[in-house]
Amino acid sequence: MPGTTLPMIQPGQLALLQFDDWFIAPDGSEYKAAYGPVNIIKAEDLLGFVPKGDTNWYVQIGYDDKAILLAGCRVHSASPTTTFPSRPGVVWDAR
């Protein structure tokens, strides 16, 4: 499981992810959720070693200058969807 997939979401598929805490996006603003293409990255592939803590996978949402990379253990919910939610100021648009 962790490090390879999120249930029902394929690599690169558009999804809405809500996180346990607010995060700072590339635009410098704080958001509680993100919408965009999702990819899961094993910590070992990202860092070059296996961390001894809880974070053994990361979620990347978006590509290039809109991409964010957050610890997988901070994902509260994830839903595949092709519709951007109408929550301005709360959801980072990483498309």
PDB file of N, CA and C in Angstrom:
ATOM      1  N   MET A   1       0.794  -1.225   0.000  1.00  0.00           N
ATOM      2  CA  MET A   1       0.000   0.000   0.000  1.00  0.00           C
ATOM      3  C   MET A   1       0.821   1.266   0.000  1.00  0.00           C
ATOM      4  N   PRO A   2       1.001   1.969   1.183  1.00  0.00           N
ATOM      5  CA  PRO A   2       1.635   3.276   1.098  1.00  0.00           C
ATOM      6  C   PRO A   2       2.902   3.248   0.260  1.00  0.00           C
ATOM      7  N   GLY A   3       3.030   4.233  -0.561  1.00  0.00           N
ATOM      8  CA  GLY A   3       4.188   4.324  -1.429  1.00  0.00           C
ATOM      9  C   GLY A   3       3.882   3.934  -2.856  1.00  0.00           C
ATOM     10  N   THR A   4       2.686   3.424  -3.097  1.00  0.00           N
ATOM     11  CA  THR A   4       2.389   3.012  -4.463  1.00  0.00           C
ATOM     12  C   THR A   4       1.101   3.614  -5.003  1.00  0.00           C
ATOM     13  N   THR A   5       0.008   3.569  -4.247  1.00  0.00           N
ATOM     14  CA  THR A   5      -1.266   4.064  -4.774  1.00  0.00           C
ATOM     15  C   THR A   5      -2.124   4.697  -3.699  1.00  0.00           C
ATOM     16  N   LEU A   6      -3.116   5.436  -4.127  1.00  0.00           N
ATOM     17  CA  LEU A   6      -4.233   5.831  -3.282  1.00  0.00           C
ATOM     18  C   LEU A   6      -5.421   5.064  -3.845  1.00  0.00           C
ATOM     19  N   PRO A   7      -6.271   4.504  -2.997  1.00  0.00           N
ATOM     20  CA  PRO A   7      -7.404   3.732  -3.524  1.00  0.00           C
ATOM     21  C   PRO A   7      -8.230   4.534  -4.528  1.00  0.00           C
ATOM     22  N   MET A   8      -8.558   3.921  -5.632  1.00  0.00           N
ATOM     23  CA  MET A   8      -9.436   4.481  -6.671  1.00  0.00           C
ATOM     24  C   MET A   8      -8.822   5.643  -7.442  1.00  0.00           C
ATOM     25  N   ILE A   9      -7.582   6.011  -7.221  1.00  0.00           N
ATOM     26  CA  ILE A   9      -6.963   7.111  -7.959  1.00  0.00           C
ATOM     27  C   ILE A   9      -5.746   6.569  -8.702  1.00  0.00           C
ATOM     28  N   GLN A  10      -5.764   6.709 -10.007  1.00  0.00           N
ATOM     29  CA  GLN A  10      -4.668   6.253 -10.844  1.00  0.00           C
ATOM     30  C   GLN A  10      -3.603   7.347 -10.958  1.00  0.00           C
ATOM     31  N   PRO A  11      -2.339   6.991 -11.163  1.00  0.00           N
ATOM     32  CA  PRO A  11      -1.294   7.999 -11.328  1.00  0.00           C
ATOM     33  C   PRO A  11      -1.645   9.005 -12.427  1.00  0.00           C
ATOM     34  N   GLY A  12      -1.536  10.279 -12.112  1.00  0.00           N
ATOM     35  CA  GLY A  12      -1.820  11.345 -13.053  1.00  0.00           C
ATOM     36  C   GLY A  12      -3.280  11.740 -13.149  1.00  0.00           C
ATOM     37  N   GLN A  13      -4.151  11.015 -12.460  1.00  0.00           N
ATOM     38  CA  GLN A  13      -5.585  11.305 -12.501  1.00  0.00           C
ATOM     39  C   GLN A  13      -5.903  12.560 -11.684  1.00  0.00           C
ATOM     40  N   LEU A  14      -6.865  13.350 -12.152  1.00  0.00           N
ATOM     41  CA  LEU A  14      -7.311  14.525 -11.412  1.00  0.00           C
ATOM     42  C   LEU A  14      -8.050  14.094 -10.150  1.00  0.00           C
ATOM     43  N   ALA A  15      -7.718  14.735  -9.031  1.00  0.00           N
ATOM     44  CA  ALA A  15      -8.352  14.385  -7.763  1.00  0.00           C
ATOM     45  C   ALA A  15      -8.327  15.586  -6.830  1.00  0.00           C
ATOM     46  N   LEU A  16      -9.202  15.527  -5.837  1.00  0.00           N
ATOM     47  CA  LEU A  16      -9.255  16.517  -4.772  1.00  0.00           C
ATOM     48  C   LEU A  16      -8.731  15.845  -3.514  1.00  0.00           C
ATOM     49  N   LEU A  17      -7.698  16.430  -2.916  1.00  0.00           N
ATOM     50  CA  LEU A  17      -7.132  15.909  -1.683  1.00  0.00           C
ATOM     51  C   LEU A  17      -7.266  16.946  -0.581  1.00  0.00           C
ATOM     52  N   GLN A  18      -7.771  16.511   0.550  1.00  0.00           N
ATOM     53  CA  GLN A  18      -7.860  17.373   1.729  1.00  0.00           C
ATOM     54  C   GLN A  18      -6.786  16.899   2.705  1.00  0.00           C
ATOM     55  N   PHE A  19      -6.143  17.865   3.366  1.00  0.00           N
ATOM     56  CA  PHE A  19      -5.041  17.541   4.260  1.00  0.00           C
ATOM     57  C   PHE A  19      -5.397  17.848   5.706  1.00  0.00           C
ATOM     58  N   ASP A  20      -4.690  17.207   6.627  1.00  0.00           N
ATOM     59  CA  ASP A  20      -4.942  17.400   8.051  1.00  0.00           C
ATOM     60  C   ASP A  20      -4.638  18.831   8.494  1.00  0.00           C
ATOM     61  N   ASP A  21      -3.664  19.444   7.860  1.00  0.00           N
ATOM     62  CA  ASP A  21      -3.239  20.793   8.223  1.00  0.00           C
ATOM     63  C   ASP A  21      -3.169  21.677   6.985  1.00  0.00           C
ATOM     64  N   TRP A  22      -3.133  22.974   7.208  1.00  0.00           N
ATOM     65  CA  TRP A  22      -2.940  23.929   6.118  1.00  0.00           C
ATOM     66  C   TRP A  22      -1.516  23.788   5.596  1.00  0.00           C
ATOM     67  N   PHE A  23      -1.312  24.074   4.317  1.00  0.00           N
ATOM     68  CA  PHE A  23       0.024  24.055   3.719  1.00  0.00           C
ATOM     69  C   PHE A  23       0.208  25.323   2.905  1.00  0.00           C
ATOM     70  N   ILE A  24       1.449  25.672   2.638  1.00  0.00           N
ATOM     71  CA  ILE A  24       1.762  26.851   1.836  1.00  0.00           C
ATOM     72  C   ILE A  24       2.062  26.390   0.417  1.00  0.00           C
ATOM     73  N   ALA A  25       1.293  26.895  -0.541  1.00  0.00           N
ATOM     74  CA  ALA A  25       1.428  26.533  -1.952  1.00  0.00           C
ATOM     75  C   ALA A  25       2.473  27.431  -2.624  1.00  0.00           C
ATOM     76  N   PRO A  26       2.833  27.111  -3.862  1.00  0.00           N
ATOM     77  CA  PRO A  26       3.822  27.917  -4.579  1.00  0.00           C
ATOM     78  C   PRO A  26       3.470  29.401  -4.722  1.00  0.00           C
ATOM     79  N   ASP A  27       2.190  29.756  -4.605  1.00  0.00           N
ATOM     80  CA  ASP A  27       1.822  31.176  -4.704  1.00  0.00           C
ATOM     81  C   ASP A  27       1.997  31.915  -3.376  1.00  0.00           C
ATOM     82  N   GLY A  28       2.439  31.203  -2.327  1.00  0.00           N
ATOM     83  CA  GLY A  28       2.685  31.823  -1.028  1.00  0.00           C
ATOM     84  C   GLY A  28       1.470  31.867  -0.117  1.00  0.00           C
ATOM     85  N   SER A  29       0.324  31.396  -0.585  1.00  0.00           N
ATOM     86  CA  SER A  29      -0.900  31.384   0.219  1.00  0.00           C
ATOM     87  C   SER A  29      -1.082  30.033   0.903  1.00  0.00           C
ATOM     88  N   GLU A  30      -1.900  30.029   1.957  1.00  0.00           N
ATOM     89  CA  GLU A  30      -2.194  28.800   2.689  1.00  0.00           C
ATOM     90  C   GLU A  30      -3.482  28.162   2.174  1.00  0.00           C
ATOM     91  N   TYR A  31      -3.465  26.836   2.066  1.00  0.00           N
ATOM     92  CA  TYR A  31      -4.620  26.071   1.597  1.00  0.00           C
ATOM     93  C   TYR A  31      -4.801  24.840   2.472  1.00  0.00           C
ATOM     94  N   LYS A  32      -6.011  24.331   2.495  1.00  0.00           N
ATOM     95  CA  LYS A  32      -6.354  23.125   3.255  1.00  0.00           C
ATOM     96  C   LYS A  32      -6.521  21.919   2.335  1.00  0.00           C
ATOM     97  N   ALA A  33      -6.704  22.167   1.036  1.00  0.00           N
ATOM     98  CA  ALA A  33      -6.920  21.094   0.069  1.00  0.00           C
ATOM     99  C   ALA A  33      -6.247  21.463  -1.248  1.00  0.00           C
ATOM    100  N   ALA A  34      -6.090  20.461  -2.105  1.00  0.00           N
ATOM    101  CA  ALA A  34      -5.477  20.701  -3.414  1.00  0.00           C
ATOM    102  C   ALA A  34      -6.201  19.870  -4.462  1.00  0.00           C
ATOM    103  N   TYR A  35      -6.267  20.428  -5.681  1.00  0.00           N
ATOM    104  CA  TYR A  35      -6.909  19.760  -6.805  1.00  0.00           C
ATOM    105  C   TYR A  35      -5.944  19.730  -7.979  1.00  0.00           C
ATOM    106  N   GLY A  36      -5.754  18.561  -8.568  1.00  0.00           N
ATOM    107  CA  GLY A  36      -4.891  18.441  -9.729  1.00  0.00           C
ATOM    108  C   GLY A  36      -4.511  16.997  -9.968  1.00  0.00           C
ATOM    109  N   PRO A  37      -3.593  16.766 -10.917  1.00  0.00           N
ATOM    110  CA  PRO A  37      -3.135  15.406 -11.187  1.00  0.00           C
ATOM    111  C   PRO A  37      -2.281  14.904 -10.017  1.00  0.00           C
ATOM    112  N   VAL A  38      -2.551  13.679  -9.582  1.00  0.00           N
ATOM    113  CA  VAL A  38      -1.921  13.127  -8.381  1.00  0.00           C
ATOM    114  C   VAL A  38      -0.936  12.015  -8.741  1.00  0.00           C
ATOM    115  N   ASN A  39       0.206  12.025  -8.068  1.00  0.00           N
ATOM    116  CA  ASN A  39       1.175  10.937  -8.166  1.00  0.00           C
ATOM    117  C   ASN A  39       1.711  10.639  -6.776  1.00  0.00           C
ATOM    118  N   ILE A  40       1.946   9.358  -6.506  1.00  0.00           N
ATOM    119  CA  ILE A  40       2.481   8.917  -5.227  1.00  0.00           C
ATOM    120  C   ILE A  40       3.956   8.584  -5.416  1.00  0.00           C
ATOM    121  N   ILE A  41       4.786   9.026  -4.475  1.00  0.00           N
ATOM    122  CA  ILE A  41       6.230   8.805  -4.565  1.00  0.00           C
ATOM    123  C   ILE A  41       6.698   8.161  -3.264  1.00  0.00           C
ATOM    124  N   LYS A  42       7.395   7.054  -3.367  1.00  0.00           N
ATOM    125  CA  LYS A  42       7.971   6.417  -2.186  1.00  0.00           C
ATOM    126  C   LYS A  42       9.069   7.320  -1.638  1.00  0.00           C
ATOM    127  N   ALA A  43       9.154   7.409  -0.322  1.00  0.00           N
ATOM    128  CA  ALA A  43      10.169   8.246   0.319  1.00  0.00           C
ATOM    129  C   ALA A  43      11.569   7.828  -0.112  1.00  0.00           C
ATOM    130  N   GLU A  44      11.792   6.545  -0.245  1.00  0.00           N
ATOM    131  CA  GLU A  44      13.107   6.059  -0.654  1.00  0.00           C
ATOM    132  C   GLU A  44      13.476   6.563  -2.052  1.00  0.00           C
ATOM    133  N   ASP A  45      12.510   6.607  -2.965  1.00  0.00           N
ATOM    134  CA  ASP A  45      12.765   7.105  -4.317  1.00  0.00           C
ATOM    135  C   ASP A  45      13.033   8.605  -4.316  1.00  0.00           C
ATOM    136  N   LEU A  46      12.369   9.315  -3.417  1.00  0.00           N
ATOM    137  CA  LEU A  46      12.514  10.765  -3.333  1.00  0.00           C
ATOM    138  C   LEU A  46      13.787  11.171  -2.592  1.00  0.00           C
ATOM    139  N   LEU A  47      14.051  10.511  -1.462  1.00  0.00           N
ATOM    140  CA  LEU A  47      15.149  10.905  -0.581  1.00  0.00           C
ATOM    141  C   LEU A  47      16.429  10.107  -0.775  1.00  0.00           C
ATOM    142  N   GLY A  48      16.301   8.917  -1.357  1.00  0.00           N
ATOM    143  CA  GLY A  48      17.475   8.066  -1.544  1.00  0.00           C
ATOM    144  C   GLY A  48      17.734   7.142  -0.368  1.00  0.00           C
ATOM    145  N   PHE A  49      16.869   7.136   0.626  1.00  0.00           N
ATOM    146  CA  PHE A  49      16.993   6.239   1.775  1.00  0.00           C
ATOM    147  C   PHE A  49      15.603   6.024   2.375  1.00  0.00           C
ATOM    148  N   VAL A  50      15.486   5.012   3.225  1.00  0.00           N
ATOM    149  CA  VAL A  50      14.211   4.719   3.880  1.00  0.00           C
ATOM    150  C   VAL A  50      14.178   5.439   5.225  1.00  0.00           C
ATOM    151  N   PRO A  51      13.281   6.407   5.398  1.00  0.00           N
ATOM    152  CA  PRO A  51      13.201   7.100   6.683  1.00  0.00           C
ATOM    153  C   PRO A  51      12.705   6.161   7.778  1.00  0.00           C
ATOM    154  N   LYS A  52      13.145   6.402   9.005  1.00  0.00           N
ATOM    155  CA  LYS A  52      12.731   5.552  10.118  1.00  0.00           C
ATOM    156  C   LYS A  52      11.434   6.017  10.749  1.00  0.00           C
ATOM    157  N   GLY A  53      10.950   7.201  10.382  1.00  0.00           N
ATOM    158  CA  GLY A  53       9.707   7.725  10.939  1.00  0.00           C
ATOM    159  C   GLY A  53       8.488   7.209  10.200  1.00  0.00           C
ATOM    160  N   ASP A  54       7.390   7.912  10.363  1.00  0.00           N
ATOM    161  CA  ASP A  54       6.122   7.501   9.787  1.00  0.00           C
ATOM    162  C   ASP A  54       5.971   7.826   8.309  1.00  0.00           C
ATOM    163  N   THR A  55       6.667   8.822   7.812  1.00  0.00           N
ATOM    164  CA  THR A  55       6.459   9.262   6.433  1.00  0.00           C
ATOM    165  C   THR A  55       7.291   8.423   5.478  1.00  0.00           C
ATOM    166  N   ASN A  56       6.650   7.373   4.921  1.00  0.00           N
ATOM    167  CA  ASN A  56       7.365   6.534   3.961  1.00  0.00           C
ATOM    168  C   ASN A  56       6.858   6.740   2.540  1.00  0.00           C
ATOM    169  N   TRP A  57       5.942   7.738   2.370  1.00  0.00           N
ATOM    170  CA  TRP A  57       5.471   8.077   1.026  1.00  0.00           C
ATOM    171  C   TRP A  57       5.027   9.530   0.992  1.00  0.00           C
ATOM    172  N   TYR A  58       5.051  10.092  -0.209  1.00  0.00           N
ATOM    173  CA  TYR A  58       4.662  11.489  -0.433  1.00  0.00           C
ATOM    174  C   TYR A  58       3.656  11.539  -1.565  1.00  0.00           C
ATOM    175  N   VAL A  59       2.849  12.571  -1.557  1.00  0.00           N
ATOM    176  CA  VAL A  59       1.896  12.777  -2.645  1.00  0.00           C
ATOM    177  C   VAL A  59       2.297  14.056  -3.380  1.00  0.00           C
ATOM    178  N   GLN A  60       2.419  13.943  -4.697  1.00  0.00           N
ATOM    179  CA  GLN A  60       2.690  15.096  -5.551  1.00  0.00           C
ATOM    180  C   GLN A  60       1.395  15.443  -6.251  1.00  0.00           C
ATOM    181  N   ILE A  61       1.005  16.706  -6.152  1.00  0.00           N
ATOM    182  CA  ILE A  61      -0.192  17.181  -6.837  1.00  0.00           C
ATOM    183  C   ILE A  61       0.237  18.273  -7.794  1.00  0.00           C
ATOM    184  N   GLY A  62      -0.055  18.093  -9.078  1.00  0.00           N
ATOM    185  CA  GLY A  62       0.329  19.061 -10.086  1.00  0.00           C
ATOM    186  C   GLY A  62       1.709  18.782 -10.663  1.00  0.00           C
ATOM    187  N   TYR A  63       2.090  19.612 -11.620  1.00  0.00           N
ATOM    188  CA  TYR A  63       3.376  19.487 -12.295  1.00  0.00           C
ATOM    189  C   TYR A  63       4.018  20.861 -12.403  1.00  0.00           C
ATOM    190  N   ASP A  64       5.295  20.853 -12.618  1.00  0.00           N
ATOM    191  CA  ASP A  64       6.073  22.065 -12.874  1.00  0.00           C
ATOM    192  C   ASP A  64       5.909  23.104 -11.764  1.00  0.00           C
ATOM    193  N   ASP A  65       5.610  24.359 -12.122  1.00  0.00           N
ATOM    194  CA  ASP A  65       5.580  25.436 -11.130  1.00  0.00           C
ATOM    195  C   ASP A  65       4.328  25.428 -10.250  1.00  0.00           C
ATOM    196  N   LYS A  66       3.368  24.576 -10.528  1.00  0.00           N
ATOM    197  CA  LYS A  66       2.162  24.474  -9.686  1.00  0.00           C
ATOM    198  C   LYS A  66       2.221  23.273  -8.747  1.00  0.00           C
ATOM    199  N   ALA A  67       3.241  22.456  -8.870  1.00  0.00           N
ATOM    200  CA  ALA A  67       3.322  21.220  -8.096  1.00  0.00           C
ATOM    201  C   ALA A  67       3.597  21.474  -6.622  1.00  0.00           C
ATOM    202  N   ILE A  68       2.962  20.637  -5.791  1.00  0.00           N
ATOM    203  CA  ILE A  68       3.278  20.601  -4.367  1.00  0.00           C
ATOM    204  C   ILE A  68       3.594  19.161  -4.016  1.00  0.00           C
ATOM    205  N   LEU A  69       4.384  18.976  -2.996  1.00  0.00           N
ATOM    206  CA  LEU A  69       4.794  17.659  -2.536  1.00  0.00           C
ATOM    207  C   LEU A  69       4.578  17.637  -1.032  1.00  0.00           C
ATOM    208  N   LEU A  70       3.667  16.775  -0.572  1.00  0.00           N
ATOM    209  CA  LEU A  70       3.328  16.727   0.844  1.00  0.00           C
ATOM    210  C   LEU A  70       3.428  15.303   1.368  1.00  0.00           C
ATOM    211  N   ALA A  71       3.700  15.175   2.653  1.00  0.00           N
ATOM    212  CA  ALA A  71       3.794  13.867   3.283  1.00  0.00           C
ATOM    213  C   ALA A  71       2.463  13.131   3.160  1.00  0.00           C
ATOM    214  N   GLY A  72       2.518  11.884   2.748  1.00  0.00           N
ATOM    215  CA  GLY A  72       1.309  11.092   2.570  1.00  0.00           C
ATOM    216  C   GLY A  72       0.509  10.902   3.846  1.00  0.00           C
ATOM    217  N   CYS A  73       1.193  10.908   4.987  1.00  0.00           N
ATOM    218  CA  CYS A  73       0.487  10.721   6.256  1.00  0.00           C
ATOM    219  C   CYS A  73      -0.395  11.916   6.608  1.00  0.00           C
ATOM    220  N   ARG A  74      -0.278  13.015   5.875  1.00  0.00           N
ATOM    221  CA  ARG A  74      -1.085  14.219   6.127  1.00  0.00           C
ATOM    222  C   ARG A  74      -2.364  14.255   5.289  1.00  0.00           C
ATOM    223  N   VAL A  75      -2.557  13.277   4.390  1.00  0.00           N
ATOM    224  CA  VAL A  75      -3.767  13.223   3.567  1.00  0.00           C
ATOM    225  C   VAL A  75      -4.944  12.798   4.442  1.00  0.00           C
ATOM    226  N   HIS A  76      -5.965  13.632   4.491  1.00  0.00           N
ATOM    227  CA  HIS A  76      -7.157  13.331   5.280  1.00  0.00           C
ATOM    228  C   HIS A  76      -8.203  12.606   4.424  1.00  0.00           C
ATOM    229  N   SER A  77      -8.382  13.072   3.182  1.00  0.00           N
ATOM    230  CA  SER A  77      -9.297  12.405   2.257  1.00  0.00           C
ATOM    231  C   SER A  77      -8.838  12.662   0.831  1.00  0.00           C
ATOM    232  N   ALA A  78      -9.225  11.748  -0.058  1.00  0.00           N
ATOM    233  CA  ALA A  78      -8.868  11.863  -1.468  1.00  0.00           C
ATOM    234  C   ALA A  78     -10.034  11.373  -2.311  1.00  0.00           C
ATOM    235  N   SER A  79     -10.415  12.177  -3.304  1.00  0.00           N
ATOM    236  CA  SER A  79     -11.538  11.822  -4.174  1.00  0.00           C
ATOM    237  C   SER A  79     -11.186  12.111  -5.622  1.00  0.00           C
ATOM    238  N   PRO A  80     -11.289  11.105  -6.499  1.00  0.00           N
ATOM    239  CA  PRO A  80     -11.094  11.387  -7.916  1.00  0.00           C
ATOM    240  C   PRO A  80     -12.256  12.220  -8.433  1.00  0.00           C
ATOM    241  N   THR A  81     -11.971  13.257  -9.181  1.00  0.00           N
ATOM    242  CA  THR A  81     -13.020  14.099  -9.747  1.00  0.00           C
ATOM    243  C   THR A  81     -12.442  14.921 -10.889  1.00  0.00           C
ATOM    244  N   THR A  82     -13.266  15.244 -11.859  1.00  0.00           N
ATOM    245  CA  THR A  82     -12.833  16.099 -12.966  1.00  0.00           C
ATOM    246  C   THR A  82     -13.378  17.512 -12.805  1.00  0.00           C
ATOM    247  N   THR A  83     -14.048  17.775 -11.693  1.00  0.00           N
ATOM    248  CA  THR A  83     -14.647  19.088 -11.443  1.00  0.00           C
ATOM    249  C   THR A  83     -13.902  19.810 -10.323  1.00  0.00           C
ATOM    250  N   PHE A  84     -13.434  21.022 -10.624  1.00  0.00           N
ATOM    251  CA  PHE A  84     -12.762  21.820  -9.596  1.00  0.00           C
ATOM    252  C   PHE A  84     -13.794  22.277  -8.563  1.00  0.00           C
ATOM    253  N   PRO A  85     -13.525  22.094  -7.280  1.00  0.00           N
ATOM    254  CA  PRO A  85     -14.492  22.480  -6.248  1.00  0.00           C
ATOM    255  C   PRO A  85     -14.645  23.996  -6.145  1.00  0.00           C
ATOM    256  N   SER A  86     -15.807  24.434  -5.735  1.00  0.00           N
ATOM    257  CA  SER A  86     -16.058  25.876  -5.614  1.00  0.00           C
ATOM    258  C   SER A  86     -15.749  26.351  -4.197  1.00  0.00           C
ATOM    259  N   ARG A  87     -14.491  26.266  -3.827  1.00  0.00           N
ATOM    260  CA  ARG A  87     -14.044  26.714  -2.509  1.00  0.00           C
ATOM    261  C   ARG A  87     -12.844  27.646  -2.671  1.00  0.00           C
ATOM    262  N   PRO A  88     -13.016  28.813  -3.261  1.00  0.00           N
ATOM    263  CA  PRO A  88     -11.879  29.706  -3.475  1.00  0.00           C
ATOM    264  C   PRO A  88     -11.205  30.056  -2.162  1.00  0.00           C
ATOM    265  N   GLY A  89      -9.889  30.081  -2.196  1.00  0.00           N
ATOM    266  CA  GLY A  89      -9.124  30.419  -1.009  1.00  0.00           C
ATOM    267  C   GLY A  89      -8.864  29.240  -0.094  1.00  0.00           C
ATOM    268  N   VAL A  90      -9.471  28.097  -0.387  1.00  0.00           N
ATOM    269  CA  VAL A  90      -9.277  26.916   0.453  1.00  0.00           C
ATOM    270  C   VAL A  90      -8.589  25.786  -0.336  1.00  0.00           C
ATOM    271  N   VAL A  91      -8.839  25.735  -1.653  1.00  0.00           N
ATOM    272  CA  VAL A  91      -8.306  24.668  -2.497  1.00  0.00           C
ATOM    273  C   VAL A  91      -7.257  25.230  -3.457  1.00  0.00           C
ATOM    274  N   TRP A  92      -6.054  24.646  -3.414  1.00  0.00           N
ATOM    275  CA  TRP A  92      -4.983  25.014  -4.340  1.00  0.00           C
ATOM    276  C   TRP A  92      -5.263  24.333  -5.682  1.00  0.00           C
ATOM    277  N   ASP A  93      -5.291  25.124  -6.757  1.00  0.00           N
ATOM    278  CA  ASP A  93      -5.506  24.606  -8.104  1.00  0.00           C
ATOM    279  C   ASP A  93      -4.154  24.285  -8.717  1.00  0.00           C
ATOM    280  N   ALA A  94      -3.817  22.996  -8.734  1.00  0.00           N
ATOM    281  CA  ALA A  94      -2.504  22.574  -9.225  1.00  0.00           C
ATOM    282  C   ALA A  94      -2.562  22.037 -10.643  1.00  0.00           C
ATOM    283  N   ARG A  95      -3.609  22.373 -11.381  1.00  0.00           N
ATOM    284  CA  ARG A  95      -3.712  21.899 -12.770  1.00  0.00           C
ATOM    285  C   ARG A  95      -2.741  22.637 -13.654  1.00  0.00           C
TER     286      ARG A  95
END
